[in-house]
């Protein structure tokens, strides 16, 4: 399954630094409970300010698949800058029910970020495979 987005997603963190659901999401229904799911999201991201730090993670439904604080890592460059970014994860959901994978992000308080800047296409794909 794959989903493409061309609409920009913007978030302004005036007070909190909690995880924010972006518009990058895909649904998949595994055919077997023993199936593995490989998920990859590709997007560009822009952050405000030289001191702003962004963390990115991937959720399966309501479960954060990355670390509770850093997610899958931190994006911190000493300038307001846009770059192409991706995250990928091999998941073992152990279900045959529909799953929703969604990219979440958070930015340091007082800063903001945009994804899909200038309507550059964003993509998320989930592949089911067996081992």
C-alpha atoms as a PDB file:
ATOM      1  CA  UNK A   1       0.000   0.000   0.000  1.00  0.00           C
ATOM      2  CA  UNK A   2       1.206   3.477  -0.777  1.00  0.00           C
ATOM      3  CA  UNK A   3      -0.097   6.996  -0.236  1.00  0.00           C
ATOM      4  CA  UNK A   4       1.099  10.230  -1.819  1.00  0.00           C
ATOM      5  CA  UNK A   5       0.492  13.728  -0.504  1.00  0.00           C
ATOM      6  CA  UNK A   6       1.110  17.100  -2.116  1.00  0.00           C
ATOM      7  CA  UNK A   7      -0.455  19.329   0.527  1.00  0.00           C
ATOM      8  CA  UNK A   8       1.934  20.974   2.967  1.00  0.00           C
ATOM      9  CA  UNK A   9       1.637  20.161   6.675  1.00  0.00           C
ATOM     10  CA  UNK A  10       2.575  22.924   9.129  1.00  0.00           C
ATOM     11  CA  UNK A  11       2.859  22.938  12.916  1.00  0.00           C
ATOM     12  CA  UNK A  12       3.682  25.794  15.291  1.00  0.00           C
ATOM     13  CA  UNK A  13       4.785  24.772  18.783  1.00  0.00           C
ATOM     14  CA  UNK A  14       4.122  27.853  20.867  1.00  0.00           C
ATOM     15  CA  UNK A  15       4.071  26.031  24.195  1.00  0.00           C
ATOM     16  CA  UNK A  16       4.297  22.235  24.221  1.00  0.00           C
ATOM     17  CA  UNK A  17       6.731  19.786  22.709  1.00  0.00           C
ATOM     18  CA  UNK A  18       4.524  16.688  22.461  1.00  0.00           C
ATOM     19  CA  UNK A  19       4.209  14.415  19.444  1.00  0.00           C
ATOM     20  CA  UNK A  20       1.987  15.792  16.653  1.00  0.00           C
ATOM     21  CA  UNK A  21       0.310  13.589  14.037  1.00  0.00           C
ATOM     22  CA  UNK A  22       1.195  14.721  10.509  1.00  0.00           C
ATOM     23  CA  UNK A  23      -0.842  14.113   7.362  1.00  0.00           C
ATOM     24  CA  UNK A  24       1.521  11.296   6.256  1.00  0.00           C
ATOM     25  CA  UNK A  25      -0.450   8.092   6.792  1.00  0.00           C
ATOM     26  CA  UNK A  26      -1.132   4.718   5.175  1.00  0.00           C
ATOM     27  CA  UNK A  27      -3.471   1.824   6.043  1.00  0.00           C
ATOM     28  CA  UNK A  28      -2.665  -1.843   5.416  1.00  0.00           C
ATOM     29  CA  UNK A  29      -4.395  -5.107   6.339  1.00  0.00           C
ATOM     30  CA  UNK A  30      -1.948  -8.008   6.715  1.00  0.00           C
ATOM     31  CA  UNK A  31      -3.007 -11.318   5.168  1.00  0.00           C
ATOM     32  CA  UNK A  32      -1.302 -13.335   7.923  1.00  0.00           C
ATOM     33  CA  UNK A  33      -0.588 -12.685  11.601  1.00  0.00           C
ATOM     34  CA  UNK A  34       2.999 -13.829  11.011  1.00  0.00           C
ATOM     35  CA  UNK A  35       3.586 -11.265   8.246  1.00  0.00           C
ATOM     36  CA  UNK A  36       6.131  -8.516   8.631  1.00  0.00           C
ATOM     37  CA  UNK A  37       5.450  -4.963   7.447  1.00  0.00           C
ATOM     38  CA  UNK A  38       8.197  -2.715   6.112  1.00  0.00           C
ATOM     39  CA  UNK A  39       7.170   0.954   6.275  1.00  0.00           C
ATOM     40  CA  UNK A  40       9.053   3.813   4.622  1.00  0.00           C
ATOM     41  CA  UNK A  41       8.107   7.502   4.566  1.00  0.00           C
ATOM     42  CA  UNK A  42       9.863  10.051   2.330  1.00  0.00           C
ATOM     43  CA  UNK A  43       9.265  13.774   2.773  1.00  0.00           C
ATOM     44  CA  UNK A  44      10.981  17.135   2.882  1.00  0.00           C
ATOM     45  CA  UNK A  45      10.938  19.101   6.103  1.00  0.00           C
ATOM     46  CA  UNK A  46      11.712  22.694   7.027  1.00  0.00           C
ATOM     47  CA  UNK A  47      12.278  24.014  10.539  1.00  0.00           C
ATOM     48  CA  UNK A  48      12.446  27.519  11.930  1.00  0.00           C
ATOM     49  CA  UNK A  49      15.503  28.968  13.603  1.00  0.00           C
ATOM     50  CA  UNK A  50      19.035  27.786  14.116  1.00  0.00           C
ATOM     51  CA  UNK A  51      18.340  26.300  17.551  1.00  0.00           C
ATOM     52  CA  UNK A  52      15.167  24.376  16.654  1.00  0.00           C
ATOM     53  CA  UNK A  53      15.326  20.606  16.913  1.00  0.00           C
ATOM     54  CA  UNK A  54      12.786  18.220  15.384  1.00  0.00           C
ATOM     55  CA  UNK A  55      12.193  14.601  16.358  1.00  0.00           C
ATOM     56  CA  UNK A  56      10.455  12.194  13.993  1.00  0.00           C
ATOM     57  CA  UNK A  57       8.745   8.895  14.763  1.00  0.00           C
ATOM     58  CA  UNK A  58       6.308   6.408  13.307  1.00  0.00           C
ATOM     59  CA  UNK A  59       3.138   5.195  15.001  1.00  0.00           C
ATOM     60  CA  UNK A  60       1.287   1.943  14.400  1.00  0.00           C
ATOM     61  CA  UNK A  61      -2.232   2.936  15.386  1.00  0.00           C
ATOM     62  CA  UNK A  62      -1.653   4.411  18.882  1.00  0.00           C
ATOM     63  CA  UNK A  63       1.769   2.795  19.480  1.00  0.00           C
ATOM     64  CA  UNK A  64       4.944   4.852  19.049  1.00  0.00           C
ATOM     65  CA  UNK A  65       7.383   2.518  17.264  1.00  0.00           C
ATOM     66  CA  UNK A  66      10.371   4.756  18.017  1.00  0.00           C
ATOM     67  CA  UNK A  67      11.815   5.926  21.290  1.00  0.00           C
ATOM     68  CA  UNK A  68       9.435   7.797  23.588  1.00  0.00           C
ATOM     69  CA  UNK A  69      11.520  11.006  23.492  1.00  0.00           C
ATOM     70  CA  UNK A  70      13.732  10.925  20.377  1.00  0.00           C
ATOM     71  CA  UNK A  71      11.537   8.727  18.183  1.00  0.00           C
ATOM     72  CA  UNK A  72      13.714   7.653  15.250  1.00  0.00           C
ATOM     73  CA  UNK A  73      16.153  10.505  15.706  1.00  0.00           C
ATOM     74  CA  UNK A  74      16.659  14.208  15.791  1.00  0.00           C
ATOM     75  CA  UNK A  75      16.917  16.712  12.974  1.00  0.00           C
ATOM     76  CA  UNK A  76      19.030  19.670  14.073  1.00  0.00           C
ATOM     77  CA  UNK A  77      20.931  21.938  11.691  1.00  0.00           C
ATOM     78  CA  UNK A  78      22.325  25.323  12.685  1.00  0.00           C
ATOM     79  CA  UNK A  79      19.985  27.193  10.321  1.00  0.00           C
ATOM     80  CA  UNK A  80      16.386  27.397   9.195  1.00  0.00           C
ATOM     81  CA  UNK A  81      16.678  24.793   6.479  1.00  0.00           C
ATOM     82  CA  UNK A  82      14.638  22.376   4.349  1.00  0.00           C
ATOM     83  CA  UNK A  83      15.924  18.955   3.373  1.00  0.00           C
ATOM     84  CA  UNK A  84      14.723  15.619   2.083  1.00  0.00           C
ATOM     85  CA  UNK A  85      14.308  13.097   4.889  1.00  0.00           C
ATOM     86  CA  UNK A  86      13.019   9.559   5.334  1.00  0.00           C
ATOM     87  CA  UNK A  87      12.361   7.035   8.021  1.00  0.00           C
ATOM     88  CA  UNK A  88      11.928   3.294   7.710  1.00  0.00           C
ATOM     89  CA  UNK A  89      10.933   0.506  10.049  1.00  0.00           C
ATOM     90  CA  UNK A  90      10.443  -3.283   9.945  1.00  0.00           C
ATOM     91  CA  UNK A  91       7.373  -4.087  12.008  1.00  0.00           C
ATOM     92  CA  UNK A  92       5.883  -7.327  13.357  1.00  0.00           C
ATOM     93  CA  UNK A  93       2.279  -6.313  14.096  1.00  0.00           C
ATOM     94  CA  UNK A  94       0.978  -9.878  14.730  1.00  0.00           C
ATOM     95  CA  UNK A  95      -2.505  -9.164  13.404  1.00  0.00           C
ATOM     96  CA  UNK A  96      -4.784  -9.582  10.402  1.00  0.00           C
ATOM     97  CA  UNK A  97      -6.744  -6.444  11.282  1.00  0.00           C
ATOM     98  CA  UNK A  98      -6.246  -3.155   9.488  1.00  0.00           C
ATOM     99  CA  UNK A  99      -3.261  -1.128  10.726  1.00  0.00           C
ATOM    100  CA  UNK A 100      -2.658   2.590  10.289  1.00  0.00           C
ATOM    101  CA  UNK A 101       0.924   3.822  10.097  1.00  0.00           C
ATOM    102  CA  UNK A 102       1.432   7.545  10.579  1.00  0.00           C
ATOM    103  CA  UNK A 103       4.424   9.857  10.803  1.00  0.00           C
ATOM    104  CA  UNK A 104       4.530  11.969  13.961  1.00  0.00           C
ATOM    105  CA  UNK A 105       6.874  14.856  14.700  1.00  0.00           C
ATOM    106  CA  UNK A 106       7.658  17.298  17.449  1.00  0.00           C
ATOM    107  CA  UNK A 107       9.617  20.509  17.524  1.00  0.00           C
ATOM    108  CA  UNK A 108      11.236  22.448  20.302  1.00  0.00           C
ATOM    109  CA  UNK A 109       8.829  24.890  22.003  1.00  0.00           C
ATOM    110  CA  UNK A 110       8.647  28.280  20.349  1.00  0.00           C
ATOM    111  CA  UNK A 111       9.520  26.949  16.883  1.00  0.00           C
ATOM    112  CA  UNK A 112       7.653  25.509  13.941  1.00  0.00           C
ATOM    113  CA  UNK A 113       8.126  23.084  11.074  1.00  0.00           C
ATOM    114  CA  UNK A 114       6.591  22.429   7.677  1.00  0.00           C
ATOM    115  CA  UNK A 115       6.535  19.149   5.764  1.00  0.00           C
ATOM    116  CA  UNK A 116       5.904  18.929   2.035  1.00  0.00           C
ATOM    117  CA  UNK A 117       7.313  22.452   1.644  1.00  0.00           C
ATOM    118  CA  UNK A 118       6.353  24.111  -1.673  1.00  0.00           C
ATOM    119  CA  UNK A 119       4.015  21.157  -2.256  1.00  0.00           C
ATOM    120  CA  UNK A 120       6.926  18.783  -2.889  1.00  0.00           C
ATOM    121  CA  UNK A 121       5.379  15.285  -2.987  1.00  0.00           C
ATOM    122  CA  UNK A 122       5.464  13.205   0.169  1.00  0.00           C
ATOM    123  CA  UNK A 123       5.071   9.430   0.183  1.00  0.00           C
ATOM    124  CA  UNK A 124       4.552   6.631   2.677  1.00  0.00           C
ATOM    125  CA  UNK A 125       4.570   2.975   1.651  1.00  0.00           C
ATOM    126  CA  UNK A 126       3.882  -0.206   3.638  1.00  0.00           C
ATOM    127  CA  UNK A 127       4.999  -3.570   2.204  1.00  0.00           C
ATOM    128  CA  UNK A 128       3.818  -6.868   3.619  1.00  0.00           C
ATOM    129  CA  UNK A 129       6.271  -9.762   3.461  1.00  0.00           C
ATOM    130  CA  UNK A 130       6.855 -13.132   5.099  1.00  0.00           C
ATOM    131  CA  UNK A 131      10.053 -14.579   6.485  1.00  0.00           C
END
